[in-house]
Amino acid sequence: MSEPATALTGCLAPTAETSCLAPISKEGLEDLIAKGKADPKAVKTLKCKTVAEGRFRHANYIRNLEPYIVDEPPGLLGDDTAPNPSEASLAALGSCVAVGLHANAIARGITIRKLELELEGDLNITAVWGTGDVSEKPVGFTDVRIKVDMEADCPQEEIDALITHVSQWSPVFNTFARPVNMVVESV
């Protein structure tokens, strides 16, 4: 797999002493697990405000973070300043699966030495957002493939079982895999 675009630093970097991915807090994870078991029907509403900046560039405001920029490549009439919406959704999927793998490894006492995911998805873009060929066809990803390159202090069978388990419980994976109730309205 390719090298990350940015250097991993701080708590994300493999440590020189252990050459493993620095773990998350086991105590913090245990606290989250206990809270989830205490209230298994709890629902958290996440929010994002998307503001068009011009052409196809958009600033997405989430919590109090710097805006997350989404754009289109030149082939789709954008300025190529950031991932496009479909690429950003693949990034969200990959990150969600990676978080799940890391958390479940910690919960099971598995030390991760390497964790990289490669994602690709197929979609037909000929409808051009509903302005092009609007003949009958699937809109959105029809196929998504995830390759997990994980090295850990356990047999490959445990890694494979971990990947299967995480796929079952990843929120973004399940958003891709099943229909979601959607409401769009004018304000």
C-alpha atoms as a PDB file:
ATOM      1  CA  MET A   1       0.000   0.000   0.000  1.00  0.00           C
ATOM      2  CA  SER A   2       1.068   3.572  -0.460  1.00  0.00           C
ATOM      3  CA  GLU A   3       2.664   5.791   2.137  1.00  0.00           C
ATOM      4  CA  PRO A   4       0.330   8.141   4.047  1.00  0.00           C
ATOM      5  CA  ALA A   5       0.095  11.659   2.613  1.00  0.00           C
ATOM      6  CA  THR A   6       0.951  13.098   6.033  1.00  0.00           C
ATOM      7  CA  ALA A   7       3.405  11.857   8.607  1.00  0.00           C
ATOM      8  CA  LEU A   8       1.866  10.121  11.589  1.00  0.00           C
ATOM      9  CA  THR A   9       2.878  11.916  14.753  1.00  0.00           C
ATOM     10  CA  GLY A  10       2.061  11.938  18.421  1.00  0.00           C
ATOM     11  CA  CYS A  11      -0.322   9.257  19.637  1.00  0.00           C
ATOM     12  CA  LEU A  12      -0.879   7.874  16.123  1.00  0.00           C
ATOM     13  CA  ALA A  13       2.766   7.172  15.310  1.00  0.00           C
ATOM     14  CA  PRO A  14       4.325   3.757  15.808  1.00  0.00           C
ATOM     15  CA  THR A  15       6.653   4.021  18.759  1.00  0.00           C
ATOM     16  CA  ALA A  16      10.356   3.301  18.280  1.00  0.00           C
ATOM     17  CA  GLU A  17      10.396   1.039  21.326  1.00  0.00           C
ATOM     18  CA  THR A  18       7.524  -1.185  20.256  1.00  0.00           C
ATOM     19  CA  SER A  19       7.213  -0.549  16.497  1.00  0.00           C
ATOM     20  CA  CYS A  20       3.454  -0.793  16.914  1.00  0.00           C
ATOM     21  CA  LEU A  21       0.553   1.556  16.406  1.00  0.00           C
ATOM     22  CA  ALA A  22       0.191   3.533  19.627  1.00  0.00           C
ATOM     23  CA  PRO A  23      -2.994   2.272  21.272  1.00  0.00           C
ATOM     24  CA  ILE A  24      -5.987   4.268  22.388  1.00  0.00           C
ATOM     25  CA  SER A  25      -6.723   4.417  26.114  1.00  0.00           C
ATOM     26  CA  LYS A  26      -7.875   0.986  27.307  1.00  0.00           C
ATOM     27  CA  GLU A  27      -9.587   2.657  30.301  1.00  0.00           C
ATOM     28  CA  GLY A  28     -11.354   5.139  28.034  1.00  0.00           C
ATOM     29  CA  LEU A  29     -12.504   2.304  25.785  1.00  0.00           C
ATOM     30  CA  GLU A  30     -13.776   0.327  28.786  1.00  0.00           C
ATOM     31  CA  ASP A  31     -15.717   3.427  29.923  1.00  0.00           C
ATOM     32  CA  LEU A  32     -17.326   3.772  26.450  1.00  0.00           C
ATOM     33  CA  ILE A  33     -18.172   0.046  26.473  1.00  0.00           C
ATOM     34  CA  ALA A  34     -19.833   0.370  29.905  1.00  0.00           C
ATOM     35  CA  LYS A  35     -21.857   3.412  28.806  1.00  0.00           C
ATOM     36  CA  GLY A  36     -23.032   1.570  25.694  1.00  0.00           C
ATOM     37  CA  LYS A  37     -24.116  -1.459  27.702  1.00  0.00           C
ATOM     38  CA  ALA A  38     -25.886   0.747  30.272  1.00  0.00           C
ATOM     39  CA  ASP A  39     -27.976   2.472  27.596  1.00  0.00           C
ATOM     40  CA  PRO A  40     -28.028   0.257  24.475  1.00  0.00           C
ATOM     41  CA  LYS A  41     -30.768   2.312  22.761  1.00  0.00           C
ATOM     42  CA  ALA A  42     -28.970   5.660  23.009  1.00  0.00           C
ATOM     43  CA  VAL A  43     -28.854   7.615  19.737  1.00  0.00           C
ATOM     44  CA  LYS A  44     -26.506  10.527  19.066  1.00  0.00           C
ATOM     45  CA  THR A  45     -27.362  13.029  16.360  1.00  0.00           C
ATOM     46  CA  LEU A  46     -24.354  14.219  14.367  1.00  0.00           C
ATOM     47  CA  LYS A  47     -24.478  17.521  12.517  1.00  0.00           C
ATOM     48  CA  CYS A  48     -22.754  19.140   9.554  1.00  0.00           C
ATOM     49  CA  LYS A  49     -23.450  22.496   7.932  1.00  0.00           C
ATOM     50  CA  THR A  50     -22.436  22.667   4.251  1.00  0.00           C
ATOM     51  CA  VAL A  51     -21.820  26.109   2.743  1.00  0.00           C
ATOM     52  CA  ALA A  52     -21.268  26.591  -0.995  1.00  0.00           C
ATOM     53  CA  GLU A  53     -18.198  28.758  -1.603  1.00  0.00           C
ATOM     54  CA  GLY A  54     -18.491  29.002  -5.377  1.00  0.00           C
ATOM     55  CA  ARG A  55     -18.285  26.644  -8.312  1.00  0.00           C
ATOM     56  CA  PHE A  56     -18.297  23.143  -6.773  1.00  0.00           C
ATOM     57  CA  ARG A  57     -16.230  23.931  -3.662  1.00  0.00           C
ATOM     58  CA  HIS A  58     -18.027  23.536  -0.335  1.00  0.00           C
ATOM     59  CA  ALA A  59     -16.998  24.130   3.272  1.00  0.00           C
ATOM     60  CA  ASN A  60     -18.436  21.625   5.725  1.00  0.00           C
ATOM     61  CA  TYR A  61     -18.630  22.755   9.340  1.00  0.00           C
ATOM     62  CA  ILE A  62     -18.556  19.989  11.934  1.00  0.00           C
ATOM     63  CA  ARG A  63     -18.434  20.704  15.686  1.00  0.00           C
ATOM     64  CA  ASN A  64     -15.874  23.495  16.231  1.00  0.00           C
ATOM     65  CA  LEU A  65     -13.322  22.103  13.763  1.00  0.00           C
ATOM     66  CA  GLU A  66     -11.809  23.920  10.804  1.00  0.00           C
ATOM     67  CA  PRO A  67     -14.067  23.514   7.757  1.00  0.00           C
ATOM     68  CA  TYR A  68     -13.737  20.246   5.878  1.00  0.00           C
ATOM     69  CA  ILE A  69     -13.495  21.164   2.197  1.00  0.00           C
ATOM     70  CA  VAL A  70     -15.135  19.143  -0.582  1.00  0.00           C
ATOM     71  CA  ASP A  71     -14.656  19.966  -4.269  1.00  0.00           C
ATOM     72  CA  GLU A  72     -14.763  18.212  -7.631  1.00  0.00           C
ATOM     73  CA  PRO A  73     -11.882  17.373  -9.963  1.00  0.00           C
ATOM     74  CA  PRO A  74     -11.500  19.315 -13.244  1.00  0.00           C
ATOM     75  CA  GLY A  75     -13.139  16.464 -15.180  1.00  0.00           C
ATOM     76  CA  LEU A  76     -16.289  17.171 -13.150  1.00  0.00           C
ATOM     77  CA  LEU A  77     -15.957  20.976 -13.511  1.00  0.00           C
ATOM     78  CA  GLY A  78     -14.354  21.576 -10.124  1.00  0.00           C
ATOM     79  CA  ASP A  79     -11.128  23.246  -9.035  1.00  0.00           C
ATOM     80  CA  ASP A  80      -9.514  20.060  -7.649  1.00  0.00           C
ATOM     81  CA  THR A  81      -8.826  21.612  -4.222  1.00  0.00           C
ATOM     82  CA  ALA A  82     -10.176  18.708  -2.148  1.00  0.00           C
ATOM     83  CA  PRO A  83     -11.780  15.273  -2.414  1.00  0.00           C
ATOM     84  CA  ASN A  84     -15.141  15.116  -4.160  1.00  0.00           C
ATOM     85  CA  PRO A  85     -18.213  13.979  -2.184  1.00  0.00           C
ATOM     86  CA  SER A  86     -17.945  10.353  -3.315  1.00  0.00           C
ATOM     87  CA  GLU A  87     -14.230  10.216  -2.469  1.00  0.00           C
ATOM     88  CA  ALA A  88     -14.955  11.786   0.926  1.00  0.00           C
ATOM     89  CA  SER A  89     -17.551   9.083   1.589  1.00  0.00           C
ATOM     90  CA  LEU A  90     -14.939   6.398   0.834  1.00  0.00           C
ATOM     91  CA  ALA A  91     -12.543   8.157   3.224  1.00  0.00           C
ATOM     92  CA  ALA A  92     -15.231   8.176   5.925  1.00  0.00           C
ATOM     93  CA  LEU A  93     -15.850   4.464   5.341  1.00  0.00           C
ATOM     94  CA  GLY A  94     -12.152   3.610   5.511  1.00  0.00           C
ATOM     95  CA  SER A  95     -11.641   5.664   8.658  1.00  0.00           C
ATOM     96  CA  CYS A  96     -14.674   4.142  10.365  1.00  0.00           C
ATOM     97  CA  VAL A  97     -13.504   0.598   9.628  1.00  0.00           C
ATOM     98  CA  ALA A  98      -9.957   1.487  10.778  1.00  0.00           C
ATOM     99  CA  VAL A  99     -11.281   2.971  14.051  1.00  0.00           C
ATOM    100  CA  GLY A 100     -13.307  -0.191  14.633  1.00  0.00           C
ATOM    101  CA  LEU A 101     -10.314  -2.427  13.951  1.00  0.00           C
ATOM    102  CA  HIS A 102      -8.122  -0.412  16.315  1.00  0.00           C
ATOM    103  CA  ALA A 103     -10.722  -0.328  19.113  1.00  0.00           C
ATOM    104  CA  ASN A 104     -11.553  -4.026  18.831  1.00  0.00           C
ATOM    105  CA  ALA A 105      -7.863  -4.952  18.767  1.00  0.00           C
ATOM    106  CA  ILE A 106      -7.335  -2.994  21.996  1.00  0.00           C
ATOM    107  CA  ALA A 107     -10.396  -4.630  23.577  1.00  0.00           C
ATOM    108  CA  ARG A 108      -9.033  -8.072  22.659  1.00  0.00           C
ATOM    109  CA  GLY A 109      -5.476  -7.324  23.772  1.00  0.00           C
ATOM    110  CA  ILE A 110      -4.090  -7.403  20.216  1.00  0.00           C
ATOM    111  CA  THR A 111      -1.160  -5.129  19.389  1.00  0.00           C
ATOM    112  CA  ILE A 112      -1.307  -3.653  15.883  1.00  0.00           C
ATOM    113  CA  ARG A 113       1.990  -3.041  14.078  1.00  0.00           C
ATOM    114  CA  LYS A 114       0.469  -1.794  10.810  1.00  0.00           C
ATOM    115  CA  LEU A 115      -3.026  -0.810   9.700  1.00  0.00           C
ATOM    116  CA  GLU A 116      -3.771   0.456   6.181  1.00  0.00           C
ATOM    117  CA  LEU A 117      -6.953   0.240   4.160  1.00  0.00           C
ATOM    118  CA  GLU A 118      -7.361   0.730   0.423  1.00  0.00           C
ATOM    119  CA  LEU A 119     -10.859   1.495  -0.794  1.00  0.00           C
ATOM    120  CA  GLU A 120     -12.305   1.785  -4.262  1.00  0.00           C
ATOM    121  CA  GLY A 121     -15.856   2.173  -5.417  1.00  0.00           C
ATOM    122  CA  ASP A 122     -17.618   1.978  -8.764  1.00  0.00           C
ATOM    123  CA  LEU A 123     -20.330   4.444  -9.765  1.00  0.00           C
ATOM    124  CA  ASN A 124     -21.959   5.556 -12.989  1.00  0.00           C
ATOM    125  CA  ILE A 125     -21.638   9.338 -13.327  1.00  0.00           C
ATOM    126  CA  THR A 126     -23.400   9.768 -16.681  1.00  0.00           C
ATOM    127  CA  ALA A 127     -26.494  11.288 -15.052  1.00  0.00           C
ATOM    128  CA  VAL A 128     -24.306  14.324 -14.192  1.00  0.00           C
ATOM    129  CA  TRP A 129     -26.206  15.002 -10.960  1.00  0.00           C
ATOM    130  CA  GLY A 130     -29.552  14.599 -12.747  1.00  0.00           C
ATOM    131  CA  THR A 131     -28.725  16.937 -15.637  1.00  0.00           C
ATOM    132  CA  GLY A 132     -27.332  14.318 -18.035  1.00  0.00           C
ATOM    133  CA  ASP A 133     -28.484  10.850 -19.040  1.00  0.00           C
ATOM    134  CA  VAL A 134     -31.274  10.138 -16.578  1.00  0.00           C
ATOM    135  CA  SER A 135     -32.190   6.753 -18.051  1.00  0.00           C
ATOM    136  CA  GLU A 136     -32.836   3.917 -15.610  1.00  0.00           C
ATOM    137  CA  LYS A 137     -29.597   3.060 -13.775  1.00  0.00           C
ATOM    138  CA  PRO A 138     -28.279   2.795 -10.230  1.00  0.00           C
ATOM    139  CA  VAL A 139     -27.226   6.139  -8.790  1.00  0.00           C
ATOM    140  CA  GLY A 140     -24.311   6.052  -6.367  1.00  0.00           C
ATOM    141  CA  PHE A 141     -21.807   3.342  -5.636  1.00  0.00           C
ATOM    142  CA  THR A 142     -22.772  -0.070  -6.977  1.00  0.00           C
ATOM    143  CA  ASP A 143     -19.668  -1.840  -5.691  1.00  0.00           C
ATOM    144  CA  VAL A 144     -17.167  -0.948  -2.979  1.00  0.00           C
ATOM    145  CA  ARG A 145     -14.036  -2.940  -2.254  1.00  0.00           C
ATOM    146  CA  ILE A 146     -11.951  -2.619   0.913  1.00  0.00           C
ATOM    147  CA  LYS A 147      -8.518  -4.192   1.259  1.00  0.00           C
ATOM    148  CA  VAL A 148      -7.199  -4.305   4.811  1.00  0.00           C
ATOM    149  CA  ASP A 149      -3.445  -4.585   5.302  1.00  0.00           C
ATOM    150  CA  MET A 150      -3.101  -5.300   9.028  1.00  0.00           C
ATOM    151  CA  GLU A 151      -0.130  -6.711  10.871  1.00  0.00           C
ATOM    152  CA  ALA A 152      -0.614  -7.643  14.505  1.00  0.00           C
ATOM    153  CA  ASP A 153       0.651  -9.961  17.210  1.00  0.00           C
ATOM    154  CA  CYS A 154      -1.961 -12.609  16.444  1.00  0.00           C
ATOM    155  CA  PRO A 155      -2.592 -15.224  13.742  1.00  0.00           C
ATOM    156  CA  GLN A 156      -4.130 -14.142  10.416  1.00  0.00           C
ATOM    157  CA  GLU A 157      -7.321 -16.057  11.301  1.00  0.00           C
ATOM    158  CA  GLU A 158      -7.871 -13.686  14.257  1.00  0.00           C
ATOM    159  CA  ILE A 159      -7.296 -10.659  12.015  1.00  0.00           C
ATOM    160  CA  ASP A 160      -9.816 -12.042   9.504  1.00  0.00           C
ATOM    161  CA  ALA A 161     -12.356 -12.637  12.294  1.00  0.00           C
ATOM    162  CA  LEU A 162     -11.727  -9.110  13.577  1.00  0.00           C
ATOM    163  CA  ILE A 163     -12.371  -7.649  10.110  1.00  0.00           C
ATOM    164  CA  THR A 164     -15.640  -9.608   9.837  1.00  0.00           C
ATOM    165  CA  HIS A 165     -16.737  -8.463  13.301  1.00  0.00           C
ATOM    166  CA  VAL A 166     -15.894  -4.812  12.628  1.00  0.00           C
ATOM    167  CA  SER A 167     -17.765  -4.887   9.310  1.00  0.00           C
ATOM    168  CA  GLN A 168     -20.865  -5.959  11.209  1.00  0.00           C
ATOM    169  CA  TRP A 169     -20.589  -3.084  13.717  1.00  0.00           C
ATOM    170  CA  SER A 170     -19.084  -0.167  11.755  1.00  0.00           C
ATOM    171  CA  PRO A 171     -21.667   2.657  11.521  1.00  0.00           C
ATOM    172  CA  VAL A 172     -20.411   3.933   8.162  1.00  0.00           C
ATOM    173  CA  PHE A 173     -20.038   0.408   6.719  1.00  0.00           C
ATOM    174  CA  ASN A 174     -23.657  -0.256   7.656  1.00  0.00           C
ATOM    175  CA  THR A 175     -24.753   3.092   6.188  1.00  0.00           C
ATOM    176  CA  PHE A 176     -23.278   1.923   2.872  1.00  0.00           C
ATOM    177  CA  ALA A 177     -24.681  -1.605   3.212  1.00  0.00           C
ATOM    178  CA  ARG A 178     -28.342  -0.907   4.023  1.00  0.00           C
ATOM    179  CA  PRO A 179     -31.034   1.623   3.165  1.00  0.00           C
ATOM    180  CA  VAL A 180     -31.203   4.722   5.365  1.00  0.00           C
ATOM    181  CA  ASN A 181     -34.303   6.831   6.014  1.00  0.00           C
ATOM    182  CA  MET A 182     -33.678  10.152   4.263  1.00  0.00           C
ATOM    183  CA  VAL A 183     -35.591  13.436   4.538  1.00  0.00           C
ATOM    184  CA  VAL A 184     -34.755  16.474   2.392  1.00  0.00           C
ATOM    185  CA  GLU A 185     -36.744  19.679   2.811  1.00  0.00           C
ATOM    186  CA  SER A 186     -36.557  23.335   1.975  1.00  0.00           C
ATOM    187  CA  VAL A 187     -36.224  25.781   4.873  1.00  0.00           C
END
